[in-house]
Amino acid sequence: MQIPADKRLFDRPTAVMVIATTKAKLFVGTETDLTFIENIEIDDSFEHGGEGHAPSQPGIVGTPAYATDTMHWDENNRKHLYALIEDRLHHGLQNGEFETIWLTVPHEHKNQLHEALSHIVEDHEARTIPKNLYNMDDAHLLDALAEV
């Protein structure tokens, strides 16, 4: 998507990682364009097995045990997603795809994301926008990024 002259946000190639709870989209912003690169999602094998799988103990929705198991499952899936994001950002930085990083993440997950990506965030002065912008189309995403 071409960036209008009045909304120029990026003075050098910038990764824009738009993160939801269990998936993310990578864009690269330049002075004149915001280009979608790829989706990053947790694969089914992780969601349905291994350390991130849904609780196997019987439980009733709304009970404390069910809520605890579900929170643990969600947290493990987020950790797995953040590891995938970290790998992708590291790869892109090493290969010169981008020089700086902007991250959008739901406000309630900002601290966990910063813990998972601490060295990338610190080393590359990443900008974090604590909003869930994942479901926005490109034009609205650009507008939301310009507002912060």
N, C-alpha and C. Protein backbone atom coordinates (compact mmCIF):
# COMPACT_ATOMS: atom_id res chain seq x y z
N MET A 1 0.85 -1.17 0.00
CA MET A 1 0.00 0.00 0.00
C MET A 1 0.89 1.23 0.00
N GLN A 2 0.59 2.14 -0.86
CA GLN A 2 1.35 3.38 -0.92
C GLN A 2 0.95 4.29 0.23
N ILE A 3 1.94 4.90 0.87
CA ILE A 3 1.69 5.80 2.00
C ILE A 3 1.58 7.22 1.47
N PRO A 4 0.46 7.89 1.77
CA PRO A 4 0.32 9.28 1.33
C PRO A 4 1.40 10.17 1.96
N ALA A 5 1.75 11.23 1.28
CA ALA A 5 2.83 12.12 1.74
C ALA A 5 2.55 12.68 3.13
N ASP A 6 1.29 12.90 3.49
CA ASP A 6 0.97 13.47 4.80
C ASP A 6 0.99 12.44 5.93
N LYS A 7 1.22 11.17 5.62
CA LYS A 7 1.27 10.12 6.64
C LYS A 7 2.58 9.37 6.64
N ARG A 8 3.63 9.96 6.16
CA ARG A 8 4.93 9.29 6.12
C ARG A 8 5.39 9.03 7.55
N LEU A 9 5.56 7.78 7.90
CA LEU A 9 5.89 7.38 9.27
C LEU A 9 7.30 6.82 9.42
N PHE A 10 7.83 6.28 8.35
CA PHE A 10 9.06 5.50 8.44
C PHE A 10 10.18 6.18 7.66
N ASP A 11 11.26 6.52 8.37
CA ASP A 11 12.39 7.15 7.69
C ASP A 11 13.43 6.13 7.23
N ARG A 12 13.27 4.89 7.67
CA ARG A 12 14.11 3.78 7.20
C ARG A 12 13.26 2.51 7.24
N PRO A 13 13.67 1.45 6.58
CA PRO A 13 12.86 0.23 6.55
C PRO A 13 12.51 -0.26 7.96
N THR A 14 11.22 -0.45 8.19
CA THR A 14 10.71 -0.75 9.52
C THR A 14 9.80 -1.96 9.50
N ALA A 15 10.08 -2.94 10.38
CA ALA A 15 9.16 -4.06 10.55
C ALA A 15 7.99 -3.56 11.38
N VAL A 16 6.78 -3.82 10.91
CA VAL A 16 5.58 -3.51 11.67
C VAL A 16 4.92 -4.86 11.95
N MET A 17 5.05 -5.32 13.19
CA MET A 17 4.50 -6.61 13.60
C MET A 17 3.19 -6.33 14.32
N VAL A 18 2.10 -6.75 13.72
CA VAL A 18 0.76 -6.52 14.26
C VAL A 18 0.32 -7.82 14.93
N ILE A 19 0.26 -7.80 16.26
CA ILE A 19 0.10 -9.03 17.03
C ILE A 19 -1.28 -9.08 17.68
N ALA A 20 -1.93 -10.23 17.52
CA ALA A 20 -3.16 -10.53 18.25
C ALA A 20 -2.79 -11.54 19.33
N THR A 21 -3.75 -12.22 19.88
CA THR A 21 -3.47 -13.14 20.97
C THR A 21 -2.71 -14.38 20.50
N THR A 22 -3.07 -14.95 19.34
CA THR A 22 -2.42 -16.19 18.89
C THR A 22 -1.90 -16.11 17.46
N LYS A 23 -1.85 -14.92 16.90
CA LYS A 23 -1.34 -14.78 15.53
C LYS A 23 -0.82 -13.37 15.33
N ALA A 24 -0.07 -13.20 14.26
CA ALA A 24 0.53 -11.89 13.97
C ALA A 24 0.67 -11.73 12.46
N LYS A 25 0.78 -10.48 12.04
CA LYS A 25 1.04 -10.15 10.64
C LYS A 25 2.28 -9.26 10.60
N LEU A 26 3.16 -9.56 9.66
CA LEU A 26 4.36 -8.76 9.47
C LEU A 26 4.21 -7.90 8.23
N PHE A 27 4.44 -6.61 8.40
CA PHE A 27 4.50 -5.65 7.30
C PHE A 27 5.88 -5.03 7.34
N VAL A 28 6.33 -4.51 6.21
CA VAL A 28 7.53 -3.68 6.20
C VAL A 28 7.13 -2.32 5.67
N GLY A 29 7.45 -1.32 6.47
CA GLY A 29 7.15 0.06 6.09
C GLY A 29 8.41 0.76 5.62
N THR A 30 8.27 1.48 4.52
CA THR A 30 9.35 2.34 4.03
C THR A 30 8.78 3.75 3.98
N GLU A 31 9.55 4.66 3.50
CA GLU A 31 9.07 6.04 3.43
C GLU A 31 7.79 6.16 2.60
N THR A 32 7.68 5.34 1.56
CA THR A 32 6.55 5.49 0.63
C THR A 32 5.56 4.33 0.61
N ASP A 33 5.90 3.18 1.24
CA ASP A 33 5.03 2.01 1.15
C ASP A 33 4.92 1.27 2.48
N LEU A 34 3.77 0.62 2.68
CA LEU A 34 3.57 -0.35 3.75
C LEU A 34 3.18 -1.65 3.05
N THR A 35 4.06 -2.65 3.14
CA THR A 35 3.89 -3.88 2.38
C THR A 35 3.67 -5.06 3.32
N PHE A 36 2.58 -5.81 3.10
CA PHE A 36 2.34 -7.03 3.86
C PHE A 36 3.38 -8.06 3.43
N ILE A 37 4.00 -8.74 4.42
CA ILE A 37 5.02 -9.74 4.14
C ILE A 37 4.49 -11.15 4.41
N GLU A 38 3.97 -11.38 5.62
CA GLU A 38 3.51 -12.73 5.95
C GLU A 38 2.68 -12.76 7.23
N ASN A 39 1.92 -13.84 7.36
CA ASN A 39 1.21 -14.16 8.60
C ASN A 39 2.10 -15.07 9.44
N ILE A 40 2.02 -14.90 10.73
CA ILE A 40 2.70 -15.79 11.67
C ILE A 40 1.62 -16.32 12.59
N GLU A 41 1.47 -17.63 12.58
CA GLU A 41 0.43 -18.25 13.39
C GLU A 41 0.98 -19.49 14.07
N ILE A 42 0.37 -19.84 15.18
CA ILE A 42 0.71 -21.07 15.86
C ILE A 42 0.10 -22.20 15.05
N ASP A 43 0.89 -23.22 14.73
CA ASP A 43 0.36 -24.31 13.92
C ASP A 43 -0.51 -25.25 14.77
N ASP A 44 -1.36 -26.03 14.08
CA ASP A 44 -2.29 -26.92 14.77
C ASP A 44 -1.59 -27.93 15.64
N SER A 45 -0.42 -28.38 15.27
CA SER A 45 0.27 -29.39 16.07
C SER A 45 0.63 -28.84 17.44
N PHE A 46 0.91 -27.54 17.53
CA PHE A 46 1.20 -26.97 18.84
C PHE A 46 -0.09 -26.78 19.63
N GLU A 47 -1.14 -26.29 18.98
CA GLU A 47 -2.38 -26.04 19.68
C GLU A 47 -3.00 -27.32 20.23
N HIS A 48 -2.82 -28.44 19.54
CA HIS A 48 -3.51 -29.65 19.92
C HIS A 48 -2.62 -30.70 20.56
N GLY A 49 -1.40 -30.35 20.89
CA GLY A 49 -0.51 -31.31 21.52
C GLY A 49 0.65 -30.61 22.16
N GLY A 50 1.41 -31.33 22.92
CA GLY A 50 2.58 -30.75 23.55
C GLY A 50 2.21 -29.81 24.67
N GLU A 51 3.14 -28.94 25.00
CA GLU A 51 2.98 -28.12 26.19
C GLU A 51 1.87 -27.09 26.05
N GLY A 52 1.43 -26.77 24.84
CA GLY A 52 0.41 -25.76 24.66
C GLY A 52 -0.97 -26.31 24.42
N HIS A 53 -1.16 -27.61 24.59
CA HIS A 53 -2.46 -28.16 24.22
C HIS A 53 -3.55 -27.79 25.21
N ALA A 54 -4.78 -27.85 24.73
CA ALA A 54 -5.94 -27.51 25.55
C ALA A 54 -6.05 -28.49 26.71
N PRO A 55 -6.63 -28.05 27.82
CA PRO A 55 -6.71 -28.92 28.98
C PRO A 55 -7.42 -30.23 28.68
N SER A 56 -6.85 -31.34 29.17
CA SER A 56 -7.45 -32.64 28.91
C SER A 56 -8.28 -33.11 30.10
N GLN A 57 -8.15 -32.42 31.23
CA GLN A 57 -8.95 -32.80 32.38
C GLN A 57 -10.38 -32.35 32.17
N PRO A 58 -11.32 -33.18 32.62
CA PRO A 58 -12.71 -32.75 32.48
C PRO A 58 -12.93 -31.49 33.29
N GLY A 59 -13.67 -30.58 32.75
CA GLY A 59 -13.97 -29.34 33.45
C GLY A 59 -15.20 -28.72 32.85
N ILE A 60 -15.80 -27.89 33.60
CA ILE A 60 -17.00 -27.19 33.14
C ILE A 60 -16.62 -25.74 32.95
N VAL A 61 -16.99 -25.20 31.81
CA VAL A 61 -16.70 -23.80 31.54
C VAL A 61 -17.22 -22.97 32.69
N GLY A 62 -16.39 -22.05 33.17
CA GLY A 62 -16.80 -21.19 34.26
C GLY A 62 -16.30 -21.65 35.61
N THR A 63 -15.81 -22.87 35.74
CA THR A 63 -15.27 -23.33 37.01
C THR A 63 -13.84 -22.84 37.16
N PRO A 64 -13.37 -22.65 38.39
CA PRO A 64 -11.99 -22.17 38.60
C PRO A 64 -10.94 -23.07 37.95
N ALA A 65 -11.11 -24.39 38.02
CA ALA A 65 -10.11 -25.30 37.43
C ALA A 65 -10.06 -25.13 35.92
N TYR A 66 -11.21 -25.00 35.27
CA TYR A 66 -11.25 -24.80 33.82
C TYR A 66 -10.59 -23.48 33.46
N ALA A 67 -10.91 -22.44 34.21
CA ALA A 67 -10.34 -21.12 33.92
C ALA A 67 -8.83 -21.14 34.07
N THR A 68 -8.31 -21.81 35.10
CA THR A 68 -6.86 -21.89 35.30
C THR A 68 -6.20 -22.65 34.17
N ASP A 69 -6.76 -23.80 33.77
CA ASP A 69 -6.20 -24.58 32.67
C ASP A 69 -6.22 -23.78 31.38
N THR A 70 -7.30 -23.07 31.13
CA THR A 70 -7.41 -22.28 29.90
C THR A 70 -6.41 -21.13 29.90
N MET A 71 -6.23 -20.48 31.04
CA MET A 71 -5.24 -19.39 31.12
C MET A 71 -3.84 -19.93 30.86
N HIS A 72 -3.52 -21.11 31.42
CA HIS A 72 -2.22 -21.72 31.21
C HIS A 72 -2.02 -22.04 29.73
N TRP A 73 -3.05 -22.60 29.10
CA TRP A 73 -3.00 -22.92 27.67
C TRP A 73 -2.77 -21.66 26.85
N ASP A 74 -3.53 -20.58 27.14
CA ASP A 74 -3.38 -19.32 26.41
C ASP A 74 -1.97 -18.75 26.59
N GLU A 75 -1.47 -18.79 27.80
CA GLU A 75 -0.14 -18.23 28.07
C GLU A 75 0.94 -19.02 27.32
N ASN A 76 0.84 -20.33 27.32
CA ASN A 76 1.82 -21.14 26.58
C ASN A 76 1.76 -20.88 25.09
N ASN A 77 0.56 -20.72 24.56
CA ASN A 77 0.43 -20.41 23.13
C ASN A 77 1.01 -19.04 22.81
N ARG A 78 0.79 -18.05 23.69
CA ARG A 78 1.38 -16.73 23.47
C ARG A 78 2.90 -16.82 23.51
N LYS A 79 3.47 -17.58 24.46
CA LYS A 79 4.92 -17.74 24.53
C LYS A 79 5.45 -18.36 23.24
N HIS A 80 4.73 -19.34 22.71
CA HIS A 80 5.15 -19.97 21.46
C HIS A 80 5.08 -18.98 20.31
N LEU A 81 3.99 -18.20 20.24
CA LEU A 81 3.86 -17.17 19.20
C LEU A 81 4.99 -16.16 19.32
N TYR A 82 5.31 -15.71 20.52
CA TYR A 82 6.36 -14.72 20.70
C TYR A 82 7.72 -15.28 20.29
N ALA A 83 7.94 -16.56 20.49
CA ALA A 83 9.19 -17.19 20.04
C ALA A 83 9.27 -17.17 18.51
N LEU A 84 8.15 -17.45 17.84
CA LEU A 84 8.12 -17.38 16.37
C LEU A 84 8.36 -15.95 15.89
N ILE A 85 7.77 -14.99 16.57
CA ILE A 85 7.95 -13.58 16.21
C ILE A 85 9.41 -13.18 16.41
N GLU A 86 9.98 -13.59 17.53
CA GLU A 86 11.39 -13.27 17.80
C GLU A 86 12.29 -13.83 16.70
N ASP A 87 12.07 -15.08 16.31
CA ASP A 87 12.87 -15.69 15.25
C ASP A 87 12.74 -14.92 13.95
N ARG A 88 11.51 -14.55 13.60
CA ARG A 88 11.29 -13.85 12.33
C ARG A 88 11.92 -12.47 12.35
N LEU A 89 11.78 -11.74 13.46
CA LEU A 89 12.39 -10.41 13.55
C LEU A 89 13.91 -10.51 13.51
N HIS A 90 14.46 -11.45 14.22
CA HIS A 90 15.91 -11.64 14.23
C HIS A 90 16.42 -11.93 12.81
N HIS A 91 15.73 -12.83 12.11
CA HIS A 91 16.10 -13.18 10.74
C HIS A 91 16.03 -11.94 9.83
N GLY A 92 14.97 -11.18 9.93
CA GLY A 92 14.82 -9.98 9.09
C GLY A 92 15.86 -8.92 9.37
N LEU A 93 16.21 -8.77 10.64
CA LEU A 93 17.26 -7.80 10.99
C LEU A 93 18.60 -8.24 10.45
N GLN A 94 18.92 -9.52 10.59
CA GLN A 94 20.19 -10.04 10.10
C GLN A 94 20.31 -9.92 8.58
N ASN A 95 19.19 -10.12 7.88
CA ASN A 95 19.22 -10.09 6.41
C ASN A 95 18.97 -8.70 5.83
N GLY A 96 18.85 -7.71 6.68
CA GLY A 96 18.69 -6.34 6.20
C GLY A 96 17.32 -6.03 5.62
N GLU A 97 16.30 -6.83 5.93
CA GLU A 97 14.95 -6.54 5.44
C GLU A 97 14.41 -5.26 6.06
N PHE A 98 14.82 -4.99 7.29
CA PHE A 98 14.38 -3.80 8.02
C PHE A 98 15.43 -3.45 9.06
N GLU A 99 15.37 -2.21 9.55
CA GLU A 99 16.35 -1.73 10.52
C GLU A 99 15.74 -1.41 11.87
N THR A 100 14.46 -1.08 11.87
CA THR A 100 13.77 -0.75 13.11
C THR A 100 12.50 -1.59 13.21
N ILE A 101 11.88 -1.55 14.39
CA ILE A 101 10.73 -2.41 14.64
C ILE A 101 9.64 -1.62 15.35
N TRP A 102 8.41 -1.80 14.87
CA TRP A 102 7.22 -1.33 15.56
C TRP A 102 6.40 -2.56 15.88
N LEU A 103 5.93 -2.64 17.11
CA LEU A 103 5.10 -3.77 17.55
C LEU A 103 3.75 -3.24 18.01
N THR A 104 2.67 -3.85 17.53
CA THR A 104 1.36 -3.56 18.11
C THR A 104 0.91 -4.84 18.79
N VAL A 105 0.40 -4.72 19.99
CA VAL A 105 0.02 -5.89 20.78
C VAL A 105 -1.12 -5.47 21.71
N PRO A 106 -2.07 -6.37 21.98
CA PRO A 106 -3.11 -6.02 22.95
C PRO A 106 -2.47 -5.55 24.26
N HIS A 107 -3.00 -4.48 24.81
CA HIS A 107 -2.44 -3.84 26.00
C HIS A 107 -2.15 -4.84 27.11
N GLU A 108 -3.06 -5.78 27.34
CA GLU A 108 -2.90 -6.73 28.45
C GLU A 108 -1.74 -7.70 28.24
N HIS A 109 -1.18 -7.76 27.04
CA HIS A 109 -0.06 -8.69 26.76
C HIS A 109 1.26 -7.96 26.54
N LYS A 110 1.26 -6.65 26.69
CA LYS A 110 2.46 -5.85 26.40
C LYS A 110 3.66 -6.29 27.25
N ASN A 111 3.47 -6.45 28.55
CA ASN A 111 4.60 -6.81 29.42
C ASN A 111 5.16 -8.18 29.07
N GLN A 112 4.28 -9.15 28.82
CA GLN A 112 4.74 -10.49 28.46
C GLN A 112 5.52 -10.46 27.15
N LEU A 113 5.05 -9.67 26.19
CA LEU A 113 5.77 -9.53 24.92
C LEU A 113 7.16 -8.92 25.14
N HIS A 114 7.22 -7.88 25.95
CA HIS A 114 8.52 -7.24 26.21
C HIS A 114 9.49 -8.19 26.89
N GLU A 115 8.98 -9.02 27.80
CA GLU A 115 9.85 -10.01 28.45
C GLU A 115 10.38 -11.00 27.42
N ALA A 116 9.51 -11.45 26.52
CA ALA A 116 9.91 -12.46 25.53
C ALA A 116 10.87 -11.89 24.49
N LEU A 117 10.72 -10.63 24.16
CA LEU A 117 11.53 -10.00 23.10
C LEU A 117 12.49 -8.95 23.66
N SER A 118 12.87 -9.07 24.91
CA SER A 118 13.60 -7.99 25.58
C SER A 118 14.85 -7.55 24.84
N HIS A 119 15.67 -8.47 24.36
CA HIS A 119 16.91 -8.04 23.72
C HIS A 119 16.65 -7.39 22.35
N ILE A 120 15.67 -7.86 21.62
CA ILE A 120 15.36 -7.23 20.33
C ILE A 120 14.77 -5.84 20.56
N VAL A 121 13.87 -5.72 21.54
CA VAL A 121 13.24 -4.44 21.83
C VAL A 121 14.29 -3.43 22.27
N GLU A 122 15.20 -3.84 23.14
CA GLU A 122 16.23 -2.92 23.64
C GLU A 122 17.28 -2.61 22.58
N ASP A 123 17.76 -3.63 21.89
CA ASP A 123 18.84 -3.44 20.93
C ASP A 123 18.43 -2.63 19.71
N HIS A 124 17.17 -2.67 19.37
CA HIS A 124 16.72 -1.99 18.14
C HIS A 124 15.69 -0.91 18.42
N GLU A 125 15.65 -0.46 19.67
CA GLU A 125 14.77 0.63 20.06
C GLU A 125 13.38 0.47 19.46
N ALA A 126 12.83 -0.70 19.64
CA ALA A 126 11.50 -0.98 19.09
C ALA A 126 10.45 -0.08 19.72
N ARG A 127 9.51 0.29 18.91
CA ARG A 127 8.38 1.09 19.37
C ARG A 127 7.21 0.14 19.60
N THR A 128 6.57 0.23 20.76
CA THR A 128 5.45 -0.64 21.07
C THR A 128 4.18 0.18 21.17
N ILE A 129 3.15 -0.28 20.48
CA ILE A 129 1.85 0.37 20.50
C ILE A 129 0.89 -0.62 21.16
N PRO A 130 0.44 -0.31 22.38
CA PRO A 130 -0.39 -1.27 23.13
C PRO A 130 -1.86 -1.26 22.69
N LYS A 131 -2.09 -1.69 21.46
CA LYS A 131 -3.44 -1.77 20.91
C LYS A 131 -3.53 -3.01 20.03
N ASN A 132 -4.71 -3.61 20.00
CA ASN A 132 -4.93 -4.74 19.10
C ASN A 132 -5.41 -4.18 17.77
N LEU A 133 -4.52 -4.14 16.79
CA LEU A 133 -4.83 -3.60 15.47
C LEU A 133 -4.92 -4.71 14.42
N TYR A 134 -4.91 -5.95 14.87
CA TYR A 134 -4.80 -7.10 13.96
C TYR A 134 -5.90 -7.15 12.90
N ASN A 135 -7.12 -6.85 13.26
CA ASN A 135 -8.25 -7.02 12.32
C ASN A 135 -8.49 -5.81 11.42
N MET A 136 -7.64 -4.82 11.49
CA MET A 136 -7.80 -3.63 10.64
C MET A 136 -7.29 -3.90 9.23
N ASP A 137 -7.96 -3.30 8.26
CA ASP A 137 -7.42 -3.36 6.91
C ASP A 137 -6.22 -2.41 6.83
N ASP A 138 -5.47 -2.49 5.75
CA ASP A 138 -4.21 -1.74 5.64
C ASP A 138 -4.39 -0.24 5.82
N ALA A 139 -5.43 0.33 5.22
CA ALA A 139 -5.64 1.78 5.30
C ALA A 139 -5.92 2.21 6.75
N HIS A 140 -6.78 1.46 7.44
CA HIS A 140 -7.08 1.80 8.83
C HIS A 140 -5.88 1.54 9.74
N LEU A 141 -5.11 0.52 9.44
CA LEU A 141 -3.90 0.26 10.20
C LEU A 141 -2.94 1.44 10.09
N LEU A 142 -2.76 1.92 8.89
CA LEU A 142 -1.88 3.06 8.66
C LEU A 142 -2.38 4.28 9.43
N ASP A 143 -3.70 4.52 9.41
CA ASP A 143 -4.27 5.63 10.18
C ASP A 143 -4.00 5.46 11.67
N ALA A 144 -4.18 4.25 12.20
CA ALA A 144 -3.95 4.01 13.63
C ALA A 144 -2.49 4.20 13.99
N LEU A 145 -1.59 3.76 13.13
CA LEU A 145 -0.16 3.94 13.40
C LEU A 145 0.21 5.42 13.38
N ALA A 146 -0.41 6.19 12.51
CA ALA A 146 -0.11 7.62 12.40
C ALA A 146 -0.61 8.40 13.61
N GLU A 147 -1.61 7.87 14.31
CA GLU A 147 -2.17 8.56 15.48
C GLU A 147 -1.29 8.50 16.71
N VAL A 148 -0.39 7.51 16.77
CA VAL A 148 0.41 7.35 18.00
C VAL A 148 1.76 8.01 17.90
